[in-house]
């Protein structure tokens, strides 16, 4: 049990030192403690209270994370010539044969 605690402690220390826990708040700590308490109750035979605590902690984490913002939609090209719709500006149109023009 001691080696497992040392590994977990080292992982938490590394995450704290590198700044990966900057957004970890007091409420997140409470939710983590409730999840661990629910896991403990679940493994000792008290299924209903343990599952309720774990579900509440998971729902809190999902609520806290929220939705990620969608990437901005690109403007659709309404031109019949796709060369006019490139992001870097107008380009030369390709000939009908499918090979680029020289020059």
N, C-alpha and C. Protein backbone atom coordinates (compact mmCIF):
# COMPACT_ATOMS: atom_id res chain seq x y z
N UNK A 1 0.81 -1.19 0.00
CA UNK A 1 0.00 0.00 0.00
C UNK A 1 0.86 1.26 0.00
N UNK A 2 1.98 1.21 0.68
CA UNK A 2 2.86 2.37 0.75
C UNK A 2 3.44 2.74 -0.62
N UNK A 3 3.88 1.78 -1.44
CA UNK A 3 4.38 2.18 -2.76
C UNK A 3 3.30 2.86 -3.62
N UNK A 4 2.06 2.40 -3.51
CA UNK A 4 0.98 3.03 -4.26
C UNK A 4 0.75 4.47 -3.80
N UNK A 5 0.78 4.69 -2.50
CA UNK A 5 0.61 6.05 -1.98
C UNK A 5 1.77 6.96 -2.41
N UNK A 6 2.97 6.41 -2.44
CA UNK A 6 4.12 7.21 -2.90
C UNK A 6 4.00 7.58 -4.37
N UNK A 7 3.52 6.65 -5.19
CA UNK A 7 3.36 6.94 -6.62
C UNK A 7 2.28 7.99 -6.82
N UNK A 8 1.16 7.86 -6.12
CA UNK A 8 0.09 8.85 -6.24
C UNK A 8 0.56 10.21 -5.74
N UNK A 9 1.27 10.22 -4.62
CA UNK A 9 1.80 11.47 -4.09
C UNK A 9 2.80 12.13 -5.04
N UNK A 10 3.65 11.31 -5.65
CA UNK A 10 4.60 11.86 -6.62
C UNK A 10 3.88 12.43 -7.84
N UNK A 11 2.85 11.74 -8.28
CA UNK A 11 2.08 12.24 -9.42
C UNK A 11 1.38 13.56 -9.11
N UNK A 12 0.80 13.66 -7.91
CA UNK A 12 0.17 14.92 -7.52
C UNK A 12 1.19 16.04 -7.35
N UNK A 13 2.34 15.70 -6.79
CA UNK A 13 3.40 16.70 -6.65
C UNK A 13 3.89 17.21 -8.00
N UNK A 14 4.05 16.29 -8.94
CA UNK A 14 4.46 16.69 -10.29
C UNK A 14 3.41 17.58 -10.94
N UNK A 15 2.12 17.21 -10.82
CA UNK A 15 1.05 18.01 -11.41
C UNK A 15 0.99 19.39 -10.78
N UNK A 16 1.21 19.47 -9.48
CA UNK A 16 1.22 20.76 -8.80
C UNK A 16 2.41 21.60 -9.24
N UNK A 17 3.58 20.98 -9.33
CA UNK A 17 4.80 21.70 -9.67
C UNK A 17 4.77 22.24 -11.10
N UNK A 18 4.21 21.47 -12.03
CA UNK A 18 4.17 21.90 -13.43
C UNK A 18 3.00 22.81 -13.74
N UNK A 19 2.13 23.06 -12.76
CA UNK A 19 1.03 24.00 -12.98
C UNK A 19 -0.20 23.38 -13.59
N UNK A 20 -0.31 22.08 -13.60
CA UNK A 20 -1.47 21.43 -14.19
C UNK A 20 -2.68 21.46 -13.27
N UNK A 21 -2.51 21.89 -12.05
CA UNK A 21 -3.62 21.96 -11.11
C UNK A 21 -4.04 23.40 -10.81
N UNK A 22 -3.78 24.31 -11.71
CA UNK A 22 -4.09 25.71 -11.45
C UNK A 22 -5.58 25.96 -11.33
N UNK A 23 -6.38 25.24 -12.10
CA UNK A 23 -7.82 25.46 -12.06
C UNK A 23 -8.51 24.53 -11.07
N UNK A 24 -7.77 23.81 -10.27
CA UNK A 24 -8.34 22.92 -9.27
C UNK A 24 -8.77 23.76 -8.07
N UNK A 25 -10.07 23.83 -7.82
CA UNK A 25 -10.58 24.71 -6.79
C UNK A 25 -10.96 23.93 -5.52
N UNK A 26 -11.41 24.66 -4.54
CA UNK A 26 -11.85 24.08 -3.28
C UNK A 26 -13.04 23.14 -3.52
N UNK A 27 -13.98 23.56 -4.38
CA UNK A 27 -15.14 22.72 -4.68
C UNK A 27 -14.73 21.43 -5.38
N UNK A 28 -13.73 21.50 -6.22
CA UNK A 28 -13.23 20.29 -6.88
C UNK A 28 -12.63 19.33 -5.86
N UNK A 29 -11.96 19.86 -4.86
CA UNK A 29 -11.41 19.03 -3.80
C UNK A 29 -12.50 18.33 -3.00
N UNK A 30 -13.57 19.07 -2.73
CA UNK A 30 -14.70 18.47 -2.01
C UNK A 30 -15.33 17.37 -2.85
N UNK A 31 -15.50 17.62 -4.14
CA UNK A 31 -16.08 16.60 -5.02
C UNK A 31 -15.18 15.37 -5.08
N UNK A 32 -13.87 15.56 -5.09
CA UNK A 32 -12.95 14.42 -5.09
C UNK A 32 -13.06 13.64 -3.78
N UNK A 33 -13.15 14.35 -2.67
CA UNK A 33 -13.29 13.68 -1.38
C UNK A 33 -14.60 12.90 -1.30
N UNK A 34 -15.69 13.49 -1.82
CA UNK A 34 -16.97 12.78 -1.83
C UNK A 34 -16.93 11.55 -2.73
N UNK A 35 -16.23 11.67 -3.86
CA UNK A 35 -16.10 10.51 -4.74
C UNK A 35 -15.34 9.39 -4.04
N UNK A 36 -14.25 9.73 -3.38
CA UNK A 36 -13.47 8.71 -2.67
C UNK A 36 -14.26 8.11 -1.50
N UNK A 37 -15.02 8.94 -0.80
CA UNK A 37 -15.87 8.42 0.27
C UNK A 37 -16.94 7.49 -0.29
N UNK A 38 -17.53 7.87 -1.41
CA UNK A 38 -18.51 7.00 -2.06
C UNK A 38 -17.90 5.70 -2.53
N UNK A 39 -16.69 5.75 -3.03
CA UNK A 39 -16.00 4.53 -3.44
C UNK A 39 -15.74 3.63 -2.24
N UNK A 40 -15.36 4.23 -1.15
CA UNK A 40 -15.13 3.46 0.08
C UNK A 40 -16.42 2.80 0.56
N UNK A 41 -17.52 3.56 0.56
CA UNK A 41 -18.80 3.00 0.98
C UNK A 41 -19.25 1.90 0.02
N UNK A 42 -19.01 2.09 -1.25
CA UNK A 42 -19.41 1.10 -2.25
C UNK A 42 -18.65 -0.20 -2.06
N UNK A 43 -17.38 -0.12 -1.75
CA UNK A 43 -16.58 -1.34 -1.60
C UNK A 43 -16.81 -2.04 -0.26
N UNK A 44 -17.36 -1.34 0.72
CA UNK A 44 -17.63 -1.99 2.01
C UNK A 44 -19.04 -2.52 2.13
N UNK A 45 -19.84 -2.44 1.07
CA UNK A 45 -21.16 -3.04 1.09
C UNK A 45 -22.32 -2.07 1.17
N UNK A 46 -22.08 -0.81 1.37
CA UNK A 46 -23.17 0.18 1.40
C UNK A 46 -23.31 0.76 -0.01
N UNK A 47 -24.06 0.02 -0.82
CA UNK A 47 -24.11 0.30 -2.25
C UNK A 47 -24.84 1.60 -2.55
N UNK A 48 -26.01 1.79 -1.99
CA UNK A 48 -26.83 2.95 -2.35
C UNK A 48 -26.19 4.28 -1.96
N UNK A 49 -25.74 4.46 -0.72
CA UNK A 49 -25.10 5.75 -0.40
C UNK A 49 -23.78 5.95 -1.17
N UNK A 50 -23.03 4.87 -1.35
CA UNK A 50 -21.78 5.00 -2.09
C UNK A 50 -22.00 5.39 -3.54
N UNK A 51 -22.97 4.75 -4.18
CA UNK A 51 -23.26 5.08 -5.58
C UNK A 51 -23.81 6.50 -5.70
N UNK A 52 -24.62 6.92 -4.72
CA UNK A 52 -25.16 8.28 -4.76
C UNK A 52 -24.05 9.32 -4.63
N UNK A 53 -23.11 9.11 -3.72
CA UNK A 53 -22.00 10.06 -3.56
C UNK A 53 -21.12 10.09 -4.81
N UNK A 54 -20.84 8.92 -5.37
CA UNK A 54 -20.01 8.87 -6.57
C UNK A 54 -20.71 9.55 -7.75
N UNK A 55 -22.00 9.30 -7.90
CA UNK A 55 -22.75 9.92 -8.99
C UNK A 55 -22.79 11.44 -8.83
N UNK A 56 -22.99 11.90 -7.60
CA UNK A 56 -22.98 13.34 -7.37
C UNK A 56 -21.65 13.99 -7.70
N UNK A 57 -20.57 13.32 -7.34
CA UNK A 57 -19.24 13.87 -7.65
C UNK A 57 -18.98 13.88 -9.15
N UNK A 58 -19.40 12.83 -9.84
CA UNK A 58 -19.20 12.78 -11.29
C UNK A 58 -20.06 13.84 -11.98
N UNK A 59 -21.30 14.03 -11.51
CA UNK A 59 -22.15 15.07 -12.08
C UNK A 59 -21.57 16.46 -11.83
N UNK A 60 -20.99 16.67 -10.66
CA UNK A 60 -20.35 17.95 -10.39
C UNK A 60 -19.18 18.19 -11.35
N UNK A 61 -18.38 17.15 -11.57
CA UNK A 61 -17.23 17.29 -12.49
C UNK A 61 -17.71 17.58 -13.91
N UNK A 62 -18.79 16.92 -14.32
CA UNK A 62 -19.31 17.17 -15.67
C UNK A 62 -19.88 18.59 -15.77
N UNK A 63 -20.55 19.05 -14.72
CA UNK A 63 -21.09 20.41 -14.70
C UNK A 63 -19.96 21.45 -14.70
N UNK A 64 -18.93 21.16 -13.93
CA UNK A 64 -17.79 22.09 -13.83
C UNK A 64 -17.04 22.20 -15.14
N UNK A 65 -16.92 21.08 -15.83
CA UNK A 65 -16.18 21.09 -17.09
C UNK A 65 -16.93 21.88 -18.15
N UNK A 66 -18.23 21.71 -18.21
CA UNK A 66 -19.04 22.47 -19.16
C UNK A 66 -18.79 22.05 -20.59
N UNK A 67 -19.43 22.75 -21.46
CA UNK A 67 -19.27 22.46 -22.88
C UNK A 67 -18.07 23.22 -23.42
N UNK A 68 -17.40 22.57 -24.31
CA UNK A 68 -16.30 23.25 -24.98
C UNK A 68 -16.88 24.09 -26.10
N UNK A 69 -16.29 25.22 -26.32
CA UNK A 69 -16.80 26.07 -27.38
C UNK A 69 -16.47 25.46 -28.73
N UNK A 70 -17.40 25.55 -29.64
CA UNK A 70 -17.23 25.00 -30.97
C UNK A 70 -16.26 25.88 -31.75
N UNK A 71 -15.49 25.29 -32.64
CA UNK A 71 -14.59 26.11 -33.45
C UNK A 71 -15.42 27.02 -34.36
N UNK A 72 -14.89 28.17 -34.71
CA UNK A 72 -15.66 29.09 -35.55
C UNK A 72 -15.93 28.46 -36.91
N UNK A 73 -17.13 28.69 -37.39
CA UNK A 73 -17.50 28.14 -38.69
C UNK A 73 -16.85 28.96 -39.78
N UNK A 74 -16.38 28.26 -40.76
CA UNK A 74 -15.79 28.94 -41.90
C UNK A 74 -16.90 29.38 -42.84
N UNK A 75 -16.67 30.49 -43.47
CA UNK A 75 -17.64 30.98 -44.42
C UNK A 75 -17.66 30.07 -45.64
N UNK A 76 -18.85 29.70 -46.05
CA UNK A 76 -18.95 28.82 -47.21
C UNK A 76 -18.71 29.60 -48.48
N UNK A 77 -18.09 28.93 -49.43
CA UNK A 77 -17.82 29.54 -50.72
C UNK A 77 -19.06 29.40 -51.59
N UNK A 78 -19.54 30.52 -52.08
CA UNK A 78 -20.72 30.48 -52.94
C UNK A 78 -20.34 30.73 -54.40
N UNK A 79 -19.07 30.83 -54.66
CA UNK A 79 -18.62 31.05 -56.03
C UNK A 79 -18.62 29.73 -56.79
N UNK A 80 -18.85 29.83 -58.08
CA UNK A 80 -18.80 28.63 -58.93
C UNK A 80 -17.36 28.26 -59.27
N UNK A 81 -16.44 29.16 -58.98
CA UNK A 81 -15.03 28.89 -59.23
C UNK A 81 -14.33 28.71 -57.89
N UNK A 82 -14.00 27.46 -57.51
CA UNK A 82 -13.39 27.22 -56.19
C UNK A 82 -12.08 27.96 -55.97
N UNK A 83 -11.39 28.34 -57.02
CA UNK A 83 -10.11 29.03 -56.85
C UNK A 83 -10.31 30.39 -56.19
N UNK A 84 -11.49 30.97 -56.31
CA UNK A 84 -11.75 32.27 -55.71
C UNK A 84 -12.04 32.17 -54.22
N UNK A 85 -12.23 30.97 -53.71
CA UNK A 85 -12.65 30.79 -52.32
C UNK A 85 -11.53 30.31 -51.42
N UNK A 86 -10.31 30.32 -51.83
CA UNK A 86 -9.24 29.83 -50.97
C UNK A 86 -8.99 30.83 -49.86
N UNK A 87 -8.48 30.35 -48.75
CA UNK A 87 -8.25 31.20 -47.59
C UNK A 87 -7.10 32.16 -47.80
N UNK A 88 -6.15 31.80 -48.65
CA UNK A 88 -4.98 32.65 -48.84
C UNK A 88 -5.15 33.65 -49.98
N UNK A 89 -6.33 33.71 -50.56
CA UNK A 89 -6.57 34.66 -51.63
C UNK A 89 -6.76 33.96 -52.96
N UNK A 90 -7.00 34.74 -54.00
CA UNK A 90 -7.25 34.13 -55.30
C UNK A 90 -6.02 33.41 -55.82
N UNK A 91 -6.27 32.27 -56.45
CA UNK A 91 -5.20 31.50 -57.07
C UNK A 91 -5.54 31.29 -58.53
N UNK A 92 -4.59 30.78 -59.24
CA UNK A 92 -4.84 30.47 -60.65
C UNK A 92 -5.80 29.30 -60.75
N UNK A 93 -6.67 29.38 -61.68
CA UNK A 93 -7.61 28.28 -61.90
C UNK A 93 -6.88 27.15 -62.62
N UNK A 94 -7.25 25.93 -62.33
CA UNK A 94 -6.68 24.77 -62.97
C UNK A 94 -7.38 24.55 -64.31
N UNK A 95 -6.64 24.13 -65.31
CA UNK A 95 -7.31 23.83 -66.58
C UNK A 95 -8.20 22.60 -66.44
N UNK A 96 -9.04 22.39 -67.41
CA UNK A 96 -9.99 21.30 -67.36
C UNK A 96 -9.33 19.93 -67.39
N UNK A 97 -8.10 19.83 -67.84
CA UNK A 97 -7.44 18.53 -67.93
C UNK A 97 -7.02 18.01 -66.56
N UNK A 98 -6.95 18.87 -65.54
CA UNK A 98 -6.63 18.42 -64.18
C UNK A 98 -5.16 18.58 -63.82
N UNK A 99 -4.36 19.15 -64.68
CA UNK A 99 -2.94 19.36 -64.37
C UNK A 99 -2.69 20.85 -64.23
N UNK A 100 -1.75 21.26 -63.38
CA UNK A 100 -1.50 22.69 -63.20
C UNK A 100 -0.84 23.28 -64.44
N UNK A 101 -1.06 24.57 -64.60
CA UNK A 101 -0.44 25.27 -65.73
C UNK A 101 0.98 25.64 -65.40
N UNK A 102 1.81 25.66 -66.37
CA UNK A 102 3.21 26.04 -66.17
C UNK A 102 3.32 27.54 -66.29
N UNK A 103 4.09 28.12 -65.37
CA UNK A 103 4.36 29.53 -65.49
C UNK A 103 3.51 30.33 -64.66
